[in-house]
């Protein structure tokens, strides 16, 4: 579940969760949720079937949410690619792309960008986290988030897109050794990365002007959502804790400064309770003490994580949650796993969903 790319979504999209959860090639500390959680996520995915639910209450959904329309919105008239192009890969190599006829994006968040730029018909495979409607019938070339080089090569791609959390390294090397142009993109970490990622992919596909158009559209929509945020009572912003849960695998984590969710929460006019309480890394095991210190007014969850603990009744049984203001008020915000941390063309919808649920019915901040 792009966690957006780690335990599940995107993330890292839809039921599979974030895009990462894979073994890393050169996994830097900055990989945040997608890198830091990879080992535990992989185990959680195996044990839970990529985040399958544990029953119980269904998560609350806002009108027009990403779950109601799990589709991307391509540009109306993308220009024809101007190729070949030579671009810098995030792993220090130069990559020359001569054709976009057969594209294989190896993360769900990259698939989202490619489809939204208007290249959906040229995409010939998907990562397990690319679960939006237009991609769902494509063959999957990952196994529990590890790339199958053989599956990729069998599709004769003309360009493969990966990010620095994509692995294993042997698979990436095997694809490159076969002479396939493979571009590695820096992963998304925060809202500020949306435009960078769109520009990078658009340049590689030979349509930089389409990238500019999509970037401007996305940023404009994000700004519009932010204008809808209500004023806070007395200047007090709601404190929101991001929890990563996989109940069937006994994975219960509290997000800190490096979880990847802080940027969204701040854009929604909230305070990242984990970060504010002093958690300066990505995730830490949930304890009553940590939750008491975070004292969240609301809890942000991925939908499958919420389902995996049995809904609200199961959530408040996790030690410490019932005693928080969020637990006492049964106040949660849920967003689909595979889109929450993607930081791409649908981030405005993610932000809108958070804002709508967080400030619903005269709640915190109104």
Protein backbone atom coordinates (compact mmCIF):
# COMPACT_ATOMS: atom_id res chain seq x y z
CA UNK A 1 0.00 0.00 0.00
CA UNK A 2 3.30 3.61 -2.17
CA UNK A 3 3.42 0.92 3.08
CA UNK A 4 2.04 2.78 0.02
CA UNK A 5 4.46 0.50 -0.66
CA UNK A 6 5.30 -1.61 2.09
CA UNK A 7 3.08 -4.00 3.96
CA UNK A 8 0.44 -4.15 1.46
CA UNK A 9 -1.38 -0.16 -1.58
CA UNK A 10 -0.50 1.47 -2.40
CA UNK A 11 -0.30 1.15 -1.37
CA UNK A 12 1.05 0.57 -1.51
CA UNK A 13 -3.24 0.21 -4.65
CA UNK A 14 -6.43 -1.11 -3.47
CA UNK A 15 -6.42 -4.34 -1.59
CA UNK A 16 -2.76 -5.01 -2.05
CA UNK A 17 -1.51 -1.93 -0.26
CA UNK A 18 1.61 0.11 -0.78
CA UNK A 19 4.08 -0.47 -3.53
CA UNK A 20 6.98 -1.51 -1.56
CA UNK A 21 7.23 -4.58 0.60
CA UNK A 22 9.83 -5.82 -1.74
CA UNK A 23 13.45 -6.69 -1.23
CA UNK A 24 15.44 -3.62 -2.07
CA UNK A 25 18.22 -3.20 -4.56
CA UNK A 26 19.97 -0.33 -2.86
CA UNK A 27 17.52 0.51 -0.19
CA UNK A 28 18.52 3.90 1.28
CA UNK A 29 17.33 5.15 4.64
CA UNK A 30 15.20 7.71 2.84
CA UNK A 31 13.00 4.90 1.45
CA UNK A 32 10.71 5.60 4.42
CA UNK A 33 7.66 3.41 4.75
CA UNK A 34 8.28 1.46 1.59
CA UNK A 35 11.79 0.46 2.56
CA UNK A 36 11.70 0.34 6.34
CA UNK A 37 8.76 -2.01 6.56
CA UNK A 38 9.68 -4.34 3.73
CA UNK A 39 10.65 -7.47 5.63
CA UNK A 40 7.73 -7.36 8.01
CA UNK A 41 5.41 -6.41 5.19
CA UNK A 42 6.42 -9.32 3.04
CA UNK A 43 5.66 -11.66 5.92
CA UNK A 44 2.39 -9.90 6.61
CA UNK A 45 1.39 -10.18 2.97
CA UNK A 46 2.03 -13.90 2.91
CA UNK A 47 0.10 -14.47 6.12
CA UNK A 48 -2.82 -12.24 5.24
CA UNK A 49 -3.12 -12.71 1.50
CA UNK A 50 -2.03 -9.15 0.80
CA UNK A 51 -4.08 -7.71 3.56
CA UNK A 52 -7.25 -9.77 3.43
CA UNK A 53 -9.80 -8.75 5.97
CA UNK A 54 -10.61 -10.24 9.28
CA UNK A 55 -14.30 -9.42 8.95
CA UNK A 56 -16.16 -7.05 11.17
CA UNK A 57 -17.34 -3.55 10.49
CA UNK A 58 -16.69 -2.10 7.10
CA UNK A 59 -14.67 1.09 7.07
CA UNK A 60 -16.57 4.34 6.73
CA UNK A 61 -16.47 5.81 3.26
CA UNK A 62 -16.97 9.34 2.11
CA UNK A 63 -19.06 10.30 -0.87
CA UNK A 64 -17.02 10.17 -4.06
CA UNK A 65 -14.18 8.36 -2.33
CA UNK A 66 -11.36 6.55 -4.08
CA UNK A 67 -13.03 3.27 -3.14
CA UNK A 68 -16.25 4.28 -4.93
CA UNK A 69 -14.37 4.97 -8.16
CA UNK A 70 -11.04 3.14 -8.16
CA UNK A 71 -10.05 4.51 -11.53
CA UNK A 72 -7.44 6.91 -12.81
CA UNK A 73 -8.38 9.91 -14.95
CA UNK A 74 -6.19 10.10 -18.07
CA UNK A 75 -5.40 13.39 -19.72
CA UNK A 76 -7.87 14.24 -22.46
CA UNK A 77 -5.36 14.48 -25.32
CA UNK A 78 -1.78 13.54 -24.49
CA UNK A 79 0.78 14.41 -27.17
CA UNK A 80 2.63 11.85 -29.24
CA UNK A 81 5.96 10.82 -27.69
CA UNK A 82 9.13 12.42 -29.02
CA UNK A 83 11.71 9.66 -28.90
CA UNK A 84 14.42 8.58 -28.37
CA UNK A 85 15.22 10.25 -25.06
CA UNK A 86 18.10 9.70 -22.66
CA UNK A 87 17.34 10.20 -18.99
CA UNK A 88 19.17 9.78 -15.70
CA UNK A 89 18.15 6.81 -13.59
CA UNK A 90 18.05 7.16 -9.79
CA UNK A 91 20.60 4.35 -9.46
CA UNK A 92 23.28 6.33 -11.27
CA UNK A 93 22.92 5.04 -14.82
CA UNK A 94 21.78 6.69 -18.04
CA UNK A 95 18.86 5.09 -19.85
CA UNK A 96 17.91 5.62 -23.48
CA UNK A 97 14.27 4.93 -24.37
CA UNK A 98 13.40 4.46 -28.01
CA UNK A 99 9.87 3.11 -27.80
CA UNK A 100 6.86 3.25 -25.50
CA UNK A 101 5.00 0.47 -27.30
CA UNK A 102 5.25 -2.01 -24.42
CA UNK A 103 5.55 -0.50 -20.94
CA UNK A 104 5.99 -2.40 -17.67
CA UNK A 105 5.71 -0.26 -14.52
CA UNK A 106 6.91 -2.23 -11.48
CA UNK A 107 5.05 -0.27 -8.80
CA UNK A 108 1.41 0.62 -8.51
CA UNK A 109 2.16 4.30 -8.10
CA UNK A 110 4.21 4.38 -11.30
CA UNK A 111 1.40 2.56 -13.11
CA UNK A 112 -0.98 5.26 -11.94
CA UNK A 113 1.20 7.97 -13.48
CA UNK A 114 1.69 6.08 -16.75
CA UNK A 115 -2.03 5.46 -17.19
CA UNK A 116 -2.94 9.03 -16.28
CA UNK A 117 -0.46 10.38 -18.82
CA UNK A 118 -2.48 8.47 -21.43
CA UNK A 119 -0.31 5.39 -21.99
CA UNK A 120 -2.71 2.79 -20.62
CA UNK A 121 -3.02 0.90 -23.89
CA UNK A 122 0.74 0.44 -24.06
CA UNK A 123 1.06 -1.03 -20.56
CA UNK A 124 1.47 -4.80 -20.84
CA UNK A 125 1.83 -5.86 -17.19
CA UNK A 126 1.34 -4.64 -13.65
CA UNK A 127 2.75 -4.93 -10.19
CA UNK A 128 0.44 -6.52 -7.62
CA UNK A 129 -0.31 -3.10 -6.13
CA UNK A 130 -1.73 -1.63 -9.36
CA UNK A 131 -5.35 -2.51 -8.60
CA UNK A 132 -7.20 0.44 -10.14
CA UNK A 133 -9.86 -0.56 -12.63
CA UNK A 134 -8.03 0.13 -15.88
CA UNK A 135 -5.07 -2.06 -14.85
CA UNK A 136 -6.79 -4.94 -13.09
CA UNK A 137 -6.87 -7.33 -16.06
CA UNK A 138 -3.17 -7.02 -16.88
CA UNK A 139 -0.85 -9.93 -16.05
CA UNK A 140 0.96 -9.59 -12.71
CA UNK A 141 4.76 -9.80 -12.84
CA UNK A 142 5.48 -9.75 -9.12
CA UNK A 143 5.32 -12.45 -6.49
CA UNK A 144 4.54 -11.12 -3.02
CA UNK A 145 6.04 -7.86 -4.34
CA UNK A 146 9.27 -9.40 -5.63
CA UNK A 147 9.73 -8.91 -9.36
CA UNK A 148 9.82 -11.97 -11.58
CA UNK A 149 12.41 -11.13 -14.23
CA UNK A 150 11.28 -14.08 -16.35
CA UNK A 151 7.69 -12.84 -16.39
CA UNK A 152 8.78 -9.33 -17.32
CA UNK A 153 11.08 -10.47 -20.11
CA UNK A 154 8.45 -12.83 -21.55
CA UNK A 155 6.32 -9.79 -22.35
CA UNK A 156 9.07 -8.19 -24.46
CA UNK A 157 8.86 -4.72 -22.91
CA UNK A 158 10.37 -1.69 -24.60
CA UNK A 159 10.67 0.16 -21.27
CA UNK A 160 10.50 -0.92 -17.63
CA UNK A 161 9.89 1.57 -14.82
CA UNK A 162 10.96 0.79 -11.26
CA UNK A 163 11.83 2.68 -8.10
CA UNK A 164 14.62 2.31 -5.58
CA UNK A 165 12.55 -0.07 -3.45
CA UNK A 166 11.98 -2.49 -6.34
CA UNK A 167 13.74 -5.81 -6.00
CA UNK A 168 15.33 -8.22 -5.75
CA UNK A 169 18.52 -6.78 -7.21
CA UNK A 170 19.11 -9.92 -9.23
CA UNK A 171 15.82 -9.45 -11.08
CA UNK A 172 16.60 -5.83 -11.91
CA UNK A 173 20.05 -6.78 -13.17
CA UNK A 174 18.62 -9.65 -15.24
CA UNK A 175 16.18 -7.32 -16.99
CA UNK A 176 18.91 -4.79 -17.72
CA UNK A 177 21.34 -7.49 -18.89
CA UNK A 178 18.71 -8.54 -21.44
CA UNK A 179 19.05 -5.08 -23.01
CA UNK A 180 15.72 -3.68 -21.81
CA UNK A 181 15.74 0.04 -20.96
CA UNK A 182 15.00 0.15 -17.21
CA UNK A 183 14.54 3.46 -15.44
CA UNK A 184 14.72 3.65 -11.64
CA UNK A 185 12.74 6.52 -10.11
CA UNK A 186 13.16 7.95 -6.62
CA UNK A 187 10.22 6.82 -4.46
CA UNK A 188 7.51 9.19 -3.30
CA UNK A 189 7.91 10.32 0.30
CA UNK A 190 5.70 13.37 0.65
CA UNK A 191 3.32 15.73 -1.09
CA UNK A 192 6.21 17.72 -2.56
CA UNK A 193 7.25 14.64 -4.55
CA UNK A 194 4.08 14.51 -6.65
CA UNK A 195 5.30 16.90 -9.34
CA UNK A 196 8.81 15.44 -9.44
CA UNK A 197 7.56 11.90 -10.03
CA UNK A 198 5.15 12.99 -12.76
CA UNK A 199 7.87 14.98 -14.53
CA UNK A 200 10.34 12.09 -14.36
CA UNK A 201 7.96 9.56 -15.86
CA UNK A 202 6.68 11.97 -18.51
CA UNK A 203 10.22 12.78 -19.62
CA UNK A 204 11.08 9.09 -19.90
CA UNK A 205 8.00 8.49 -22.05
CA UNK A 206 8.86 11.41 -24.33
CA UNK A 207 5.93 13.62 -23.30
CA UNK A 208 7.31 16.32 -20.98
CA UNK A 209 4.51 18.73 -21.90
CA UNK A 210 1.92 16.16 -20.82
CA UNK A 211 3.83 15.85 -17.56
CA UNK A 212 3.58 19.58 -17.03
CA UNK A 213 -0.14 19.51 -17.75
CA UNK A 214 -0.76 16.63 -15.37
CA UNK A 215 1.41 18.17 -12.66
CA UNK A 216 -0.45 21.46 -12.88
CA UNK A 217 -3.83 19.68 -12.84
CA UNK A 218 -2.88 17.67 -9.79
CA UNK A 219 -1.41 20.59 -7.87
CA UNK A 220 -4.44 22.75 -8.67
CA UNK A 221 -6.80 20.09 -7.37
CA UNK A 222 -4.77 19.59 -4.20
CA UNK A 223 -4.87 23.35 -3.58
CA UNK A 224 -8.65 23.35 -4.09
CA UNK A 225 -9.08 20.61 -1.48
CA UNK A 226 -6.97 22.54 1.00
CA UNK A 227 -9.21 25.58 0.59
CA UNK A 228 -12.13 23.45 1.81
CA UNK A 229 -10.52 22.72 5.19
CA UNK A 230 -12.59 24.34 7.96
CA UNK A 231 -11.13 26.76 10.46
CA UNK A 232 -9.90 25.18 13.68
CA UNK A 233 -11.49 25.98 17.00
CA UNK A 234 -9.14 28.15 18.99
CA UNK A 235 -6.36 27.39 16.54
CA UNK A 236 -6.15 23.79 17.76
CA UNK A 237 -5.40 21.37 14.96
CA UNK A 238 -6.66 17.77 15.22
CA UNK A 239 -3.99 15.26 16.21
CA UNK A 240 -4.05 12.21 13.93
CA UNK A 241 -2.06 9.00 14.40
CA UNK A 242 -1.28 6.84 11.38
CA UNK A 243 -1.46 3.15 12.28
CA UNK A 244 -0.33 0.28 10.09
CA UNK A 245 -2.26 -2.87 10.98
CA UNK A 246 -2.35 -6.43 9.70
CA UNK A 247 -4.34 -8.31 12.30
CA UNK A 248 -3.91 -11.82 10.89
CA UNK A 249 -0.14 -11.37 11.00
CA UNK A 250 -0.15 -9.60 14.39
CA UNK A 251 1.38 -6.48 12.86
CA UNK A 252 0.43 -3.36 14.85
CA UNK A 253 2.55 -0.28 14.15
CA UNK A 254 2.37 3.42 14.97
CA UNK A 255 3.71 5.80 12.35
CA UNK A 256 6.36 8.35 13.17
CA UNK A 257 8.10 11.15 11.30
CA UNK A 258 9.26 8.88 8.47
CA UNK A 259 6.02 6.91 7.94
CA UNK A 260 5.15 8.82 4.77
CA UNK A 261 1.74 9.95 6.05
CA UNK A 262 2.84 13.13 7.82
CA UNK A 263 2.80 15.26 4.68
CA UNK A 264 -0.81 14.31 3.93
CA UNK A 265 -1.93 14.94 7.49
CA UNK A 266 -0.30 18.35 7.55
CA UNK A 267 -1.87 19.19 4.18
CA UNK A 268 -5.23 18.23 5.69
CA UNK A 269 -4.73 20.77 8.45
CA UNK A 270 -3.87 18.15 11.07
CA UNK A 271 -0.91 17.30 13.29
CA UNK A 272 0.90 13.98 12.83
CA UNK A 273 0.47 12.71 16.38
CA UNK A 274 3.22 10.11 16.14
CA UNK A 275 5.76 12.58 14.83
CA UNK A 276 4.67 15.23 17.33
CA UNK A 277 5.09 12.78 20.20
CA UNK A 278 8.76 12.32 19.37
CA UNK A 279 8.77 9.28 17.09
CA UNK A 280 11.46 10.37 14.64
CA UNK A 281 11.71 7.14 12.64
CA UNK A 282 9.20 5.37 10.43
CA UNK A 283 7.20 2.96 12.56
CA UNK A 284 7.27 1.59 16.07
CA UNK A 285 5.30 -1.20 17.69
CA UNK A 286 2.06 0.03 19.22
CA UNK A 287 2.16 0.26 23.01
CA UNK A 288 -0.21 1.86 25.49
CA UNK A 289 2.57 4.25 26.47
CA UNK A 290 3.28 5.35 22.90
CA UNK A 291 -0.41 5.90 22.19
CA UNK A 292 -0.92 7.81 25.40
CA UNK A 293 1.95 10.12 24.47
CA UNK A 294 0.63 10.58 20.94
CA UNK A 295 -2.91 11.22 22.27
CA UNK A 296 -4.58 11.24 18.85
CA UNK A 297 -7.97 12.83 18.29
CA UNK A 298 -8.37 10.58 15.25
CA UNK A 299 -6.67 7.55 13.73
CA UNK A 300 -5.72 7.19 10.06
CA UNK A 301 -5.86 3.63 8.75
CA UNK A 302 -5.59 1.76 5.49
CA UNK A 303 -8.90 0.11 4.70
CA UNK A 304 -7.56 -3.43 4.67
CA UNK A 305 -5.76 -2.87 7.92
CA UNK A 306 -8.99 -1.72 9.52
CA UNK A 307 -10.81 -4.77 8.19
CA UNK A 308 -8.01 -7.11 9.26
CA UNK A 309 -8.56 -6.33 12.95
CA UNK A 310 -12.31 -6.76 12.73
CA UNK A 311 -13.41 -3.17 12.24
CA UNK A 312 -14.04 -0.75 15.05
CA UNK A 313 -14.82 -3.39 17.66
CA UNK A 314 -11.47 -5.07 17.01
CA UNK A 315 -9.57 -1.83 16.74
CA UNK A 316 -10.43 -0.68 20.25
CA UNK A 317 -9.24 -4.01 21.65
CA UNK A 318 -5.65 -3.21 20.62
CA UNK A 319 -3.93 -2.17 23.87
CA UNK A 320 -4.01 1.56 24.40
CA UNK A 321 -6.36 2.57 21.59
CA UNK A 322 -9.58 2.62 23.62
CA UNK A 323 -7.96 5.05 26.07
CA UNK A 324 -7.01 7.62 23.43
CA UNK A 325 -9.37 10.47 22.52
CA UNK A 326 -9.74 8.81 19.10
CA UNK A 327 -10.64 5.47 20.65
CA UNK A 328 -13.10 6.98 23.09
CA UNK A 329 -14.81 8.88 20.28
CA UNK A 330 -14.43 5.92 17.86
CA UNK A 331 -13.02 8.44 15.43
CA UNK A 332 -11.16 7.02 12.44
CA UNK A 333 -10.26 7.94 8.88
CA UNK A 334 -9.75 5.18 6.31
CA UNK A 335 -8.25 5.30 2.83
CA UNK A 336 -7.65 2.43 0.40
CA UNK A 337 -4.28 0.77 0.90
CA UNK A 338 -2.82 1.13 -2.55
CA UNK A 339 -3.56 4.81 -3.06
CA UNK A 340 -2.98 6.38 0.36
CA UNK A 341 0.78 6.93 0.07
CA UNK A 342 1.18 6.94 -3.70
CA UNK A 343 1.71 10.71 -3.96
CA UNK A 344 0.60 10.80 -7.57
CA UNK A 345 -2.24 12.01 -9.81
CA UNK A 346 -4.94 10.84 -7.38
CA UNK A 347 -3.48 12.45 -4.27
CA UNK A 348 -6.08 15.20 -4.41
CA UNK A 349 -8.77 12.55 -4.00
CA UNK A 350 -6.88 10.97 -1.11
CA UNK A 351 -6.56 14.34 0.57
CA UNK A 352 -10.24 15.10 -0.04
CA UNK A 353 -11.19 11.80 1.55
CA UNK A 354 -9.08 12.51 4.63
CA UNK A 355 -10.48 16.02 4.97
CA UNK A 356 -14.08 14.89 4.54
CA UNK A 357 -13.83 12.13 7.12
CA UNK A 358 -11.69 14.07 9.57
CA UNK A 359 -14.00 17.07 9.73
CA UNK A 360 -17.28 15.23 9.29
CA UNK A 361 -20.33 16.07 11.39
CA UNK A 362 -18.86 18.91 13.34
CA UNK A 363 -15.86 16.93 14.50
CA UNK A 364 -12.38 18.08 15.47
CA UNK A 365 -11.51 21.43 13.99
CA UNK A 366 -15.05 22.64 13.38
